[in-house]
């Protein structure tokens, strides 16, 4: 199933006329309607507010989380060794073929090569490669270095410094995020609608 996350200001649940528990119960009941869209849930919550104007600002942000099926995620622990790059490319290509995404193999192999190479060169072990097939295809490479990568503008004669530039050109979007034991660098590829339905 999934989880509904509600972020709100106190003006939504507090009023001078009622105790905060009354407002929290009202909010919980309005959000408990199964099968409602997020927009409908927001409308339902606003309809439950007392008729007098709130004494404070009212803000509500809703988000719905959904877990991924195990078949949508493939993950590999990789040694911190340059020979790992070839293994990572092969693993990614095999997984994409299993998912019926063979048309993405060449592009994802290049992205995997660059991200794993950077993790080996500038990060630290252990290195982890993960592919996630959801609304987009996400390629993640994690390492134990907490420094985030910065794209460089290489000169024509530079032999290095083109990796992240290449990743940016081949990806829908890319970025990095901190992790408890280092960082994760990720890149996304668009998927056709038929792959999303699978």
N, C-alpha and C. Protein backbone atom coordinates (compact mmCIF):
# COMPACT_ATOMS: atom_id res chain seq x y z
N UNK A 1 0.86 -1.17 0.00
CA UNK A 1 0.00 0.00 0.00
C UNK A 1 0.90 1.23 0.00
N UNK A 2 0.67 2.20 0.84
CA UNK A 2 1.48 3.40 0.91
C UNK A 2 1.17 4.16 2.18
N UNK A 3 1.86 5.25 2.37
CA UNK A 3 1.68 6.07 3.56
C UNK A 3 1.33 7.48 3.12
N UNK A 4 0.42 8.10 3.83
CA UNK A 4 0.06 9.49 3.58
C UNK A 4 0.80 10.35 4.59
N UNK A 5 1.55 11.30 4.10
CA UNK A 5 2.30 12.22 4.95
C UNK A 5 1.62 13.57 4.89
N UNK A 6 1.28 14.12 6.05
CA UNK A 6 0.62 15.42 6.12
C UNK A 6 1.51 16.38 6.92
N UNK A 7 1.88 17.48 6.30
CA UNK A 7 2.62 18.55 6.98
C UNK A 7 1.69 19.75 7.03
N UNK A 8 1.56 20.34 8.20
CA UNK A 8 0.60 21.43 8.34
C UNK A 8 1.05 22.39 9.43
N UNK A 9 0.52 23.61 9.36
CA UNK A 9 0.78 24.60 10.40
C UNK A 9 -0.27 24.45 11.49
N UNK A 10 0.04 24.98 12.65
CA UNK A 10 -0.87 24.82 13.79
C UNK A 10 -2.22 25.50 13.58
N UNK A 11 -2.28 26.47 12.67
CA UNK A 11 -3.56 27.13 12.39
C UNK A 11 -4.62 26.17 11.84
N UNK A 12 -4.17 25.04 11.31
CA UNK A 12 -5.11 24.06 10.76
C UNK A 12 -5.82 23.27 11.87
N UNK A 13 -5.16 23.10 13.01
CA UNK A 13 -5.73 22.25 14.06
C UNK A 13 -6.04 22.97 15.35
N UNK A 14 -5.56 24.20 15.49
CA UNK A 14 -5.82 24.95 16.72
C UNK A 14 -6.83 26.06 16.46
N UNK A 15 -7.70 26.27 17.44
CA UNK A 15 -8.62 27.41 17.40
C UNK A 15 -8.87 27.85 18.84
N UNK A 16 -9.38 29.06 18.98
CA UNK A 16 -9.66 29.56 20.33
C UNK A 16 -10.85 28.82 20.94
N UNK A 17 -11.74 28.33 20.11
CA UNK A 17 -12.96 27.70 20.61
C UNK A 17 -12.76 26.24 20.99
N UNK A 18 -11.80 25.55 20.38
CA UNK A 18 -11.65 24.11 20.61
C UNK A 18 -10.23 23.77 21.07
N UNK A 19 -10.15 22.67 21.76
CA UNK A 19 -8.87 22.13 22.18
C UNK A 19 -8.13 21.57 20.95
N UNK A 20 -6.82 21.52 20.99
CA UNK A 20 -6.04 21.04 19.84
C UNK A 20 -6.39 19.60 19.49
N UNK A 21 -6.76 18.79 20.49
CA UNK A 21 -7.14 17.39 20.22
C UNK A 21 -8.36 17.31 19.31
N UNK A 22 -9.27 18.26 19.44
CA UNK A 22 -10.45 18.29 18.56
C UNK A 22 -9.99 18.54 17.12
N UNK A 23 -9.08 19.49 16.93
CA UNK A 23 -8.56 19.78 15.60
C UNK A 23 -7.79 18.62 15.01
N UNK A 24 -6.99 17.93 15.82
CA UNK A 24 -6.23 16.77 15.34
C UNK A 24 -7.17 15.63 14.95
N UNK A 25 -8.22 15.41 15.75
CA UNK A 25 -9.20 14.37 15.41
C UNK A 25 -9.93 14.70 14.10
N UNK A 26 -10.28 15.98 13.94
CA UNK A 26 -10.96 16.43 12.73
C UNK A 26 -10.06 16.21 11.51
N UNK A 27 -8.78 16.55 11.64
CA UNK A 27 -7.83 16.37 10.55
C UNK A 27 -7.67 14.88 10.23
N UNK A 28 -7.50 14.07 11.25
CA UNK A 28 -7.34 12.62 11.04
C UNK A 28 -8.54 12.01 10.34
N UNK A 29 -9.74 12.41 10.72
CA UNK A 29 -10.95 11.87 10.09
C UNK A 29 -11.04 12.29 8.63
N UNK A 30 -10.69 13.53 8.34
CA UNK A 30 -10.77 14.02 6.96
C UNK A 30 -9.75 13.31 6.06
N UNK A 31 -8.61 12.94 6.62
CA UNK A 31 -7.57 12.29 5.83
C UNK A 31 -7.76 10.78 5.71
N UNK A 32 -8.69 10.23 6.47
CA UNK A 32 -8.88 8.78 6.50
C UNK A 32 -9.79 8.25 5.41
N UNK A 33 -10.21 9.08 4.47
CA UNK A 33 -11.10 8.64 3.40
C UNK A 33 -10.27 7.86 2.37
N UNK A 34 -10.51 6.56 2.24
CA UNK A 34 -9.69 5.76 1.32
C UNK A 34 -9.97 6.08 -0.14
N UNK A 35 -8.94 5.98 -0.95
CA UNK A 35 -9.08 6.13 -2.39
C UNK A 35 -9.19 7.55 -2.90
N UNK A 36 -9.08 8.52 -2.01
CA UNK A 36 -9.19 9.92 -2.44
C UNK A 36 -7.86 10.41 -3.00
N UNK A 37 -7.95 11.29 -3.98
CA UNK A 37 -6.74 11.91 -4.50
C UNK A 37 -6.22 12.90 -3.46
N UNK A 38 -4.97 13.32 -3.60
CA UNK A 38 -4.41 14.30 -2.67
C UNK A 38 -5.17 15.62 -2.74
N UNK A 39 -5.58 16.02 -3.94
CA UNK A 39 -6.33 17.25 -4.10
C UNK A 39 -7.68 17.16 -3.38
N UNK A 40 -8.36 16.02 -3.53
CA UNK A 40 -9.64 15.84 -2.85
C UNK A 40 -9.48 15.83 -1.34
N UNK A 41 -8.40 15.20 -0.86
CA UNK A 41 -8.16 15.18 0.58
C UNK A 41 -7.93 16.59 1.12
N UNK A 42 -7.17 17.41 0.39
CA UNK A 42 -6.96 18.80 0.82
C UNK A 42 -8.29 19.54 0.90
N UNK A 43 -9.13 19.36 -0.11
CA UNK A 43 -10.44 20.02 -0.10
C UNK A 43 -11.28 19.55 1.08
N UNK A 44 -11.26 18.25 1.35
CA UNK A 44 -12.03 17.71 2.48
C UNK A 44 -11.55 18.28 3.80
N UNK A 45 -10.24 18.42 3.96
CA UNK A 45 -9.70 18.99 5.20
C UNK A 45 -10.17 20.43 5.35
N UNK A 46 -10.07 21.22 4.27
CA UNK A 46 -10.48 22.62 4.35
C UNK A 46 -11.97 22.77 4.65
N UNK A 47 -12.79 21.83 4.16
CA UNK A 47 -14.23 21.87 4.41
C UNK A 47 -14.56 21.60 5.87
N UNK A 48 -13.65 20.95 6.59
CA UNK A 48 -13.91 20.62 8.00
C UNK A 48 -13.52 21.76 8.94
N UNK A 49 -12.86 22.78 8.42
CA UNK A 49 -12.45 23.89 9.28
C UNK A 49 -13.68 24.61 9.82
N UNK A 50 -13.59 25.15 11.03
CA UNK A 50 -14.71 25.93 11.56
C UNK A 50 -15.05 27.09 10.63
N UNK A 51 -16.29 27.53 10.66
CA UNK A 51 -16.75 28.55 9.72
C UNK A 51 -16.12 29.91 9.96
N UNK A 52 -15.75 30.20 11.21
CA UNK A 52 -15.09 31.49 11.45
C UNK A 52 -13.67 31.44 10.90
N UNK A 53 -13.14 32.60 10.57
CA UNK A 53 -11.79 32.68 10.01
C UNK A 53 -10.79 32.19 11.04
N UNK A 54 -9.81 31.42 10.60
CA UNK A 54 -8.79 30.95 11.53
C UNK A 54 -7.99 32.12 12.10
N UNK A 55 -7.56 31.97 13.35
CA UNK A 55 -6.79 33.02 14.00
C UNK A 55 -5.34 33.02 13.52
N UNK A 56 -4.94 31.97 12.85
CA UNK A 56 -3.55 31.81 12.41
C UNK A 56 -3.55 31.35 10.95
N UNK A 57 -2.40 31.46 10.30
CA UNK A 57 -2.27 30.97 8.93
C UNK A 57 -2.55 29.47 8.88
N UNK A 58 -3.11 29.03 7.76
CA UNK A 58 -3.41 27.61 7.55
C UNK A 58 -2.64 27.14 6.33
N UNK A 59 -1.80 26.13 6.54
CA UNK A 59 -1.04 25.54 5.44
C UNK A 59 -1.11 24.03 5.57
N UNK A 60 -1.31 23.35 4.44
CA UNK A 60 -1.37 21.90 4.43
C UNK A 60 -0.62 21.39 3.20
N UNK A 61 0.28 20.47 3.43
CA UNK A 61 1.02 19.82 2.35
C UNK A 61 0.86 18.31 2.52
N UNK A 62 0.35 17.64 1.48
CA UNK A 62 0.17 16.20 1.53
C UNK A 62 1.07 15.51 0.52
N UNK A 63 1.60 14.37 0.91
CA UNK A 63 2.41 13.54 0.00
C UNK A 63 2.07 12.09 0.29
N UNK A 64 2.05 11.29 -0.76
CA UNK A 64 1.75 9.87 -0.62
C UNK A 64 2.99 9.08 -1.02
N UNK A 65 3.41 8.18 -0.16
CA UNK A 65 4.56 7.34 -0.46
C UNK A 65 4.08 5.97 -0.91
N UNK A 66 4.88 5.35 -1.74
CA UNK A 66 4.57 4.00 -2.18
C UNK A 66 5.87 3.21 -2.18
N UNK A 67 5.82 2.02 -1.64
CA UNK A 67 7.00 1.17 -1.64
C UNK A 67 7.22 0.56 -3.02
N UNK A 68 8.45 0.24 -3.29
CA UNK A 68 8.79 -0.41 -4.55
C UNK A 68 8.77 -1.92 -4.37
N UNK A 69 8.37 -2.62 -5.41
CA UNK A 69 8.44 -4.07 -5.41
C UNK A 69 9.91 -4.48 -5.53
N UNK A 70 10.31 -5.59 -4.92
CA UNK A 70 11.70 -6.04 -5.04
C UNK A 70 12.17 -6.18 -6.48
N UNK A 71 11.27 -6.55 -7.38
CA UNK A 71 11.64 -6.73 -8.79
C UNK A 71 11.95 -5.39 -9.48
N UNK A 72 11.65 -4.26 -8.85
CA UNK A 72 11.91 -2.95 -9.44
C UNK A 72 13.29 -2.40 -9.06
N UNK A 73 14.01 -3.11 -8.21
CA UNK A 73 15.30 -2.63 -7.72
C UNK A 73 16.36 -3.71 -7.90
N UNK A 74 17.50 -3.33 -8.44
CA UNK A 74 18.66 -4.24 -8.54
C UNK A 74 19.85 -3.53 -7.92
N UNK A 75 20.61 -4.23 -7.11
CA UNK A 75 21.69 -3.62 -6.37
C UNK A 75 22.92 -4.52 -6.34
N UNK A 76 24.10 -3.91 -6.43
CA UNK A 76 25.35 -4.68 -6.40
C UNK A 76 26.36 -3.96 -5.52
N UNK A 77 27.04 -4.70 -4.66
CA UNK A 77 28.19 -4.19 -3.92
C UNK A 77 29.41 -4.43 -4.80
N UNK A 78 30.23 -3.41 -4.96
CA UNK A 78 31.37 -3.48 -5.87
C UNK A 78 32.67 -3.19 -5.12
N UNK A 79 33.73 -3.92 -5.46
CA UNK A 79 35.02 -3.62 -4.84
C UNK A 79 35.58 -2.31 -5.39
N UNK A 80 36.40 -1.66 -4.58
CA UNK A 80 37.01 -0.39 -4.99
C UNK A 80 38.24 -0.70 -5.83
N UNK A 81 37.98 -1.08 -7.08
CA UNK A 81 39.04 -1.54 -7.99
C UNK A 81 38.64 -1.12 -9.41
N UNK A 82 39.58 -0.61 -10.20
CA UNK A 82 39.23 -0.19 -11.57
C UNK A 82 38.58 -1.28 -12.42
N UNK A 83 38.90 -2.55 -12.15
CA UNK A 83 38.28 -3.64 -12.91
C UNK A 83 36.77 -3.73 -12.66
N UNK A 84 36.32 -3.10 -11.60
CA UNK A 84 34.91 -3.09 -11.22
C UNK A 84 34.04 -2.41 -12.27
N UNK A 85 34.59 -1.43 -12.98
CA UNK A 85 33.80 -0.66 -13.94
C UNK A 85 33.19 -1.58 -15.00
N UNK A 86 33.97 -2.49 -15.52
CA UNK A 86 33.47 -3.44 -16.53
C UNK A 86 32.38 -4.32 -15.94
N UNK A 87 32.59 -4.81 -14.72
CA UNK A 87 31.59 -5.67 -14.05
C UNK A 87 30.29 -4.89 -13.85
N UNK A 88 30.41 -3.63 -13.44
CA UNK A 88 29.22 -2.80 -13.20
C UNK A 88 28.44 -2.58 -14.50
N UNK A 89 29.15 -2.29 -15.60
CA UNK A 89 28.48 -2.10 -16.89
C UNK A 89 27.73 -3.38 -17.30
N UNK A 90 28.39 -4.52 -17.16
CA UNK A 90 27.76 -5.80 -17.54
C UNK A 90 26.54 -6.09 -16.68
N UNK A 91 26.64 -5.84 -15.39
CA UNK A 91 25.50 -6.08 -14.49
C UNK A 91 24.32 -5.19 -14.87
N UNK A 92 24.60 -3.91 -15.14
CA UNK A 92 23.52 -2.99 -15.52
C UNK A 92 22.88 -3.40 -16.84
N UNK A 93 23.71 -3.78 -17.83
CA UNK A 93 23.18 -4.18 -19.14
C UNK A 93 22.29 -5.42 -19.01
N UNK A 94 22.73 -6.39 -18.20
CA UNK A 94 21.95 -7.61 -18.00
C UNK A 94 20.60 -7.28 -17.35
N UNK A 95 20.63 -6.41 -16.33
CA UNK A 95 19.38 -6.07 -15.64
C UNK A 95 18.42 -5.32 -16.55
N UNK A 96 18.94 -4.39 -17.34
CA UNK A 96 18.07 -3.65 -18.26
C UNK A 96 17.43 -4.59 -19.28
N UNK A 97 18.18 -5.56 -19.75
CA UNK A 97 17.62 -6.54 -20.69
C UNK A 97 16.51 -7.34 -20.03
N UNK A 98 16.71 -7.73 -18.76
CA UNK A 98 15.66 -8.46 -18.03
C UNK A 98 14.41 -7.61 -17.87
N UNK A 99 14.56 -6.33 -17.70
CA UNK A 99 13.41 -5.43 -17.55
C UNK A 99 12.80 -5.03 -18.88
N UNK A 100 13.35 -5.49 -19.98
CA UNK A 100 12.84 -5.12 -21.29
C UNK A 100 13.23 -3.70 -21.69
N UNK A 101 14.33 -3.22 -21.15
CA UNK A 101 14.79 -1.86 -21.43
C UNK A 101 16.12 -1.87 -22.18
N UNK A 102 16.25 -2.82 -23.08
CA UNK A 102 17.49 -2.97 -23.83
C UNK A 102 17.90 -1.73 -24.61
N UNK A 103 16.94 -0.92 -25.02
CA UNK A 103 17.25 0.29 -25.78
C UNK A 103 18.02 1.31 -24.94
N UNK A 104 18.02 1.15 -23.60
CA UNK A 104 18.74 2.07 -22.72
C UNK A 104 20.15 1.59 -22.38
N UNK A 105 20.51 0.39 -22.81
CA UNK A 105 21.78 -0.21 -22.39
C UNK A 105 22.98 0.67 -22.69
N UNK A 106 23.12 1.14 -23.92
CA UNK A 106 24.31 1.92 -24.29
C UNK A 106 24.44 3.18 -23.44
N UNK A 107 23.34 3.89 -23.25
CA UNK A 107 23.36 5.12 -22.46
C UNK A 107 23.67 4.84 -21.00
N UNK A 108 22.99 3.85 -20.43
CA UNK A 108 23.19 3.55 -19.01
C UNK A 108 24.58 2.99 -18.76
N UNK A 109 25.11 2.22 -19.70
CA UNK A 109 26.48 1.73 -19.53
C UNK A 109 27.47 2.90 -19.43
N UNK A 110 27.28 3.93 -20.23
CA UNK A 110 28.16 5.11 -20.14
C UNK A 110 28.01 5.82 -18.80
N UNK A 111 26.77 5.98 -18.36
CA UNK A 111 26.52 6.64 -17.08
C UNK A 111 27.14 5.83 -15.94
N UNK A 112 26.91 4.51 -15.95
CA UNK A 112 27.47 3.64 -14.92
C UNK A 112 28.99 3.74 -14.93
N UNK A 113 29.60 3.70 -16.11
CA UNK A 113 31.06 3.80 -16.22
C UNK A 113 31.58 5.07 -15.55
N UNK A 114 30.95 6.19 -15.87
CA UNK A 114 31.42 7.46 -15.32
C UNK A 114 31.22 7.55 -13.82
N UNK A 115 30.04 7.14 -13.34
CA UNK A 115 29.76 7.26 -11.91
C UNK A 115 30.61 6.29 -11.08
N UNK A 116 30.77 5.07 -11.55
CA UNK A 116 31.59 4.10 -10.81
C UNK A 116 33.06 4.52 -10.87
N UNK A 117 33.53 4.98 -12.01
CA UNK A 117 34.92 5.45 -12.12
C UNK A 117 35.17 6.59 -11.13
N UNK A 118 34.24 7.56 -11.05
CA UNK A 118 34.40 8.66 -10.09
C UNK A 118 34.40 8.15 -8.66
N UNK A 119 33.56 7.16 -8.35
CA UNK A 119 33.52 6.62 -7.00
C UNK A 119 34.84 5.95 -6.65
N UNK A 120 35.42 5.24 -7.61
CA UNK A 120 36.71 4.59 -7.37
C UNK A 120 37.81 5.63 -7.23
N UNK A 121 37.82 6.61 -8.11
CA UNK A 121 38.90 7.60 -8.15
C UNK A 121 38.84 8.59 -6.99
N UNK A 122 37.63 9.07 -6.67
CA UNK A 122 37.52 10.15 -5.69
C UNK A 122 36.79 9.76 -4.41
N UNK A 123 36.11 8.64 -4.43
CA UNK A 123 35.34 8.22 -3.27
C UNK A 123 36.13 7.25 -2.42
N UNK A 124 35.43 6.32 -1.88
CA UNK A 124 36.05 5.29 -1.08
C UNK A 124 35.13 4.11 -1.03
N UNK A 125 35.69 2.96 -0.71
CA UNK A 125 34.88 1.76 -0.65
C UNK A 125 34.06 1.70 0.62
N UNK A 126 33.07 0.87 0.68
CA UNK A 126 32.55 0.08 -0.44
C UNK A 126 31.75 0.94 -1.41
N UNK A 127 31.65 0.46 -2.63
CA UNK A 127 30.89 1.14 -3.67
C UNK A 127 29.65 0.30 -3.95
N UNK A 128 28.55 0.97 -4.16
CA UNK A 128 27.29 0.26 -4.43
C UNK A 128 26.63 0.86 -5.66
N UNK A 129 26.22 -0.01 -6.56
CA UNK A 129 25.45 0.39 -7.75
C UNK A 129 24.03 -0.09 -7.56
N UNK A 130 23.09 0.79 -7.84
CA UNK A 130 21.69 0.42 -7.72
C UNK A 130 20.92 0.98 -8.90
N UNK A 131 20.07 0.15 -9.51
CA UNK A 131 19.14 0.57 -10.56
C UNK A 131 17.74 0.45 -10.01
N UNK A 132 16.93 1.49 -10.24
CA UNK A 132 15.55 1.51 -9.75
C UNK A 132 14.65 1.82 -10.93
N UNK A 133 13.70 0.95 -11.19
CA UNK A 133 12.72 1.16 -12.26
C UNK A 133 11.39 1.55 -11.62
N UNK A 134 11.04 2.81 -11.76
CA UNK A 134 9.77 3.27 -11.19
C UNK A 134 9.13 4.20 -12.22
N UNK A 135 8.93 5.44 -11.91
CA UNK A 135 8.40 6.37 -12.90
C UNK A 135 9.48 6.77 -13.90
N UNK A 136 10.72 6.67 -13.48
CA UNK A 136 11.89 6.85 -14.33
C UNK A 136 12.86 5.73 -13.98
N UNK A 137 13.90 5.57 -14.78
CA UNK A 137 14.96 4.63 -14.42
C UNK A 137 16.03 5.45 -13.72
N UNK A 138 16.34 5.08 -12.49
CA UNK A 138 17.35 5.78 -11.71
C UNK A 138 18.57 4.89 -11.54
N UNK A 139 19.72 5.44 -11.83
CA UNK A 139 21.00 4.77 -11.62
C UNK A 139 21.67 5.49 -10.46
N UNK A 140 21.99 4.76 -9.39
CA UNK A 140 22.64 5.35 -8.22
C UNK A 140 23.98 4.66 -7.98
N UNK A 141 24.99 5.45 -7.64
CA UNK A 141 26.28 4.91 -7.22
C UNK A 141 26.63 5.59 -5.91
N UNK A 142 26.88 4.79 -4.89
CA UNK A 142 27.22 5.34 -3.58
C UNK A 142 28.64 4.96 -3.20
N UNK A 143 29.26 5.84 -2.42
CA UNK A 143 30.58 5.55 -1.87
C UNK A 143 30.68 6.21 -0.50
N UNK A 144 31.80 6.03 0.18
CA UNK A 144 31.92 6.50 1.56
C UNK A 144 32.48 7.91 1.70
N UNK A 145 32.77 8.58 0.60
CA UNK A 145 33.27 9.95 0.66
C UNK A 145 32.08 10.90 0.79
N UNK A 146 32.17 11.85 1.68
CA UNK A 146 31.05 12.77 1.90
C UNK A 146 31.09 13.99 0.97
N UNK A 147 32.18 14.19 0.23
CA UNK A 147 32.28 15.32 -0.69
C UNK A 147 31.43 15.07 -1.92
N UNK A 148 30.62 16.06 -2.28
CA UNK A 148 29.75 15.93 -3.44
C UNK A 148 30.50 16.34 -4.71
N UNK A 149 30.20 15.68 -5.82
CA UNK A 149 30.90 15.99 -7.06
C UNK A 149 30.49 17.34 -7.62
N UNK A 150 31.43 17.97 -8.30
CA UNK A 150 31.17 19.25 -8.96
C UNK A 150 31.59 19.12 -10.42
N UNK A 151 30.69 19.41 -11.33
CA UNK A 151 31.07 19.36 -12.75
C UNK A 151 32.14 20.41 -13.05
N UNK A 152 33.04 20.06 -13.91
CA UNK A 152 34.07 20.99 -14.36
C UNK A 152 33.84 21.32 -15.82
N UNK A 153 34.39 22.40 -16.25
CA UNK A 153 34.36 22.77 -17.67
C UNK A 153 35.75 22.46 -18.23
N UNK A 154 35.95 21.26 -18.76
CA UNK A 154 37.28 20.91 -19.26
C UNK A 154 37.62 21.69 -20.52
N UNK A 155 38.91 21.95 -20.67
CA UNK A 155 39.38 22.58 -21.90
C UNK A 155 39.48 21.51 -22.99
N UNK A 156 39.61 21.94 -24.22
CA UNK A 156 39.64 21.01 -25.35
C UNK A 156 40.75 19.97 -25.20
N UNK A 157 41.89 20.37 -24.64
CA UNK A 157 43.01 19.44 -24.55
C UNK A 157 43.01 18.60 -23.26
N UNK A 158 42.07 18.87 -22.32
CA UNK A 158 42.01 18.10 -21.07
C UNK A 158 41.55 16.68 -21.35
N UNK A 159 42.22 15.74 -20.70
CA UNK A 159 41.84 14.34 -20.85
C UNK A 159 40.90 13.89 -19.76
N UNK A 160 40.80 14.64 -18.69
CA UNK A 160 39.90 14.29 -17.59
C UNK A 160 38.92 15.42 -17.35
N UNK A 161 37.94 15.16 -16.49
CA UNK A 161 36.99 16.20 -16.12
C UNK A 161 35.73 16.25 -16.97
N UNK A 162 35.55 15.25 -17.84
CA UNK A 162 34.38 15.25 -18.71
C UNK A 162 33.26 14.33 -18.21
N UNK A 163 33.52 13.54 -17.17
CA UNK A 163 32.57 12.53 -16.72
C UNK A 163 31.21 13.06 -16.36
N UNK A 164 31.14 14.02 -15.44
CA UNK A 164 29.85 14.55 -15.02
C UNK A 164 29.18 15.35 -16.12
N UNK A 165 29.98 16.00 -16.96
CA UNK A 165 29.43 16.70 -18.12
C UNK A 165 28.71 15.69 -19.02
N UNK A 166 29.33 14.54 -19.24
CA UNK A 166 28.73 13.48 -20.05
C UNK A 166 27.47 12.93 -19.39
N UNK A 167 27.53 12.69 -18.08
CA UNK A 167 26.35 12.20 -17.34
C UNK A 167 25.20 13.19 -17.49
N UNK A 168 25.49 14.48 -17.36
CA UNK A 168 24.44 15.50 -17.48
C UNK A 168 23.82 15.50 -18.88
N UNK A 169 24.64 15.28 -19.90
CA UNK A 169 24.14 15.28 -21.28
C UNK A 169 23.28 14.05 -21.57
N UNK A 170 23.60 12.94 -20.94
CA UNK A 170 22.91 11.68 -21.22
C UNK A 170 21.68 11.46 -20.34
N UNK A 171 21.52 12.24 -19.31
CA UNK A 171 20.47 12.02 -18.31
C UNK A 171 19.33 13.00 -18.45
N UNK A 172 18.19 12.57 -17.98
CA UNK A 172 17.04 13.47 -17.83
C UNK A 172 17.40 14.53 -16.81
N UNK A 173 17.98 14.09 -15.69
CA UNK A 173 18.55 14.95 -14.67
C UNK A 173 19.46 14.11 -13.80
N UNK A 174 20.32 14.75 -13.06
CA UNK A 174 21.25 14.03 -12.20
C UNK A 174 21.52 14.89 -10.95
N UNK A 175 22.12 14.27 -9.95
CA UNK A 175 22.44 15.01 -8.73
C UNK A 175 23.13 14.11 -7.73
N UNK A 176 23.27 14.62 -6.53
CA UNK A 176 23.86 13.83 -5.45
C UNK A 176 23.14 14.16 -4.16
N UNK A 177 23.21 13.25 -3.21
CA UNK A 177 22.62 13.48 -1.89
C UNK A 177 23.51 12.84 -0.85
N UNK A 178 23.45 13.36 0.34
CA UNK A 178 24.21 12.80 1.44
C UNK A 178 23.56 11.52 1.92
N UNK A 179 24.38 10.60 2.39
CA UNK A 179 23.90 9.36 2.98
C UNK A 179 24.57 9.23 4.35
N UNK A 180 24.07 8.33 5.18
CA UNK A 180 24.62 8.20 6.53
C UNK A 180 26.09 7.82 6.51
N UNK A 181 26.52 7.11 5.48
CA UNK A 181 27.91 6.66 5.43
C UNK A 181 28.64 7.18 4.19
N UNK A 182 28.24 8.33 3.66
CA UNK A 182 28.91 8.88 2.48
C UNK A 182 27.95 9.69 1.63
N UNK A 183 27.92 9.36 0.35
CA UNK A 183 27.04 10.08 -0.58
C UNK A 183 26.53 9.13 -1.65
N UNK A 184 25.48 9.57 -2.34
CA UNK A 184 24.91 8.86 -3.48
C UNK A 184 24.86 9.84 -4.63
N UNK A 185 25.40 9.43 -5.78
CA UNK A 185 25.29 10.21 -7.01
C UNK A 185 24.31 9.47 -7.91
N UNK A 186 23.33 10.16 -8.45
CA UNK A 186 22.27 9.50 -9.21
C UNK A 186 22.05 10.20 -10.55
N UNK A 187 21.48 9.44 -11.47
CA UNK A 187 21.10 9.97 -12.78
C UNK A 187 19.82 9.26 -13.22
N UNK A 188 18.93 9.99 -13.88
CA UNK A 188 17.64 9.44 -14.30
C UNK A 188 17.52 9.38 -15.81
N UNK A 189 16.78 8.36 -16.26
CA UNK A 189 16.41 8.20 -17.67
C UNK A 189 14.90 8.12 -17.75
N UNK A 190 14.31 8.76 -18.76
CA UNK A 190 12.87 8.63 -18.97
C UNK A 190 12.53 7.22 -19.41
N UNK A 191 11.36 6.75 -19.00
CA UNK A 191 10.85 5.45 -19.43
C UNK A 191 9.59 5.65 -20.25
N UNK A 192 9.37 4.80 -21.24
CA UNK A 192 8.11 4.90 -21.99
C UNK A 192 6.94 4.47 -21.10
N UNK A 193 5.75 4.92 -21.44
CA UNK A 193 4.59 4.62 -20.61
C UNK A 193 4.33 3.13 -20.50
N UNK A 194 4.62 2.32 -21.52
CA UNK A 194 4.38 0.88 -21.43
C UNK A 194 5.29 0.24 -20.39
N UNK A 195 6.52 0.77 -20.20
CA UNK A 195 7.41 0.22 -19.19
C UNK A 195 6.88 0.54 -17.81
N UNK A 196 6.24 1.71 -17.64
CA UNK A 196 5.69 2.09 -16.35
C UNK A 196 4.51 1.22 -15.98
N UNK A 197 3.77 0.77 -16.96
CA UNK A 197 2.59 -0.05 -16.69
C UNK A 197 2.96 -1.47 -16.30
N UNK A 198 4.16 -1.92 -16.65
CA UNK A 198 4.59 -3.29 -16.39
C UNK A 198 4.78 -3.55 -14.91
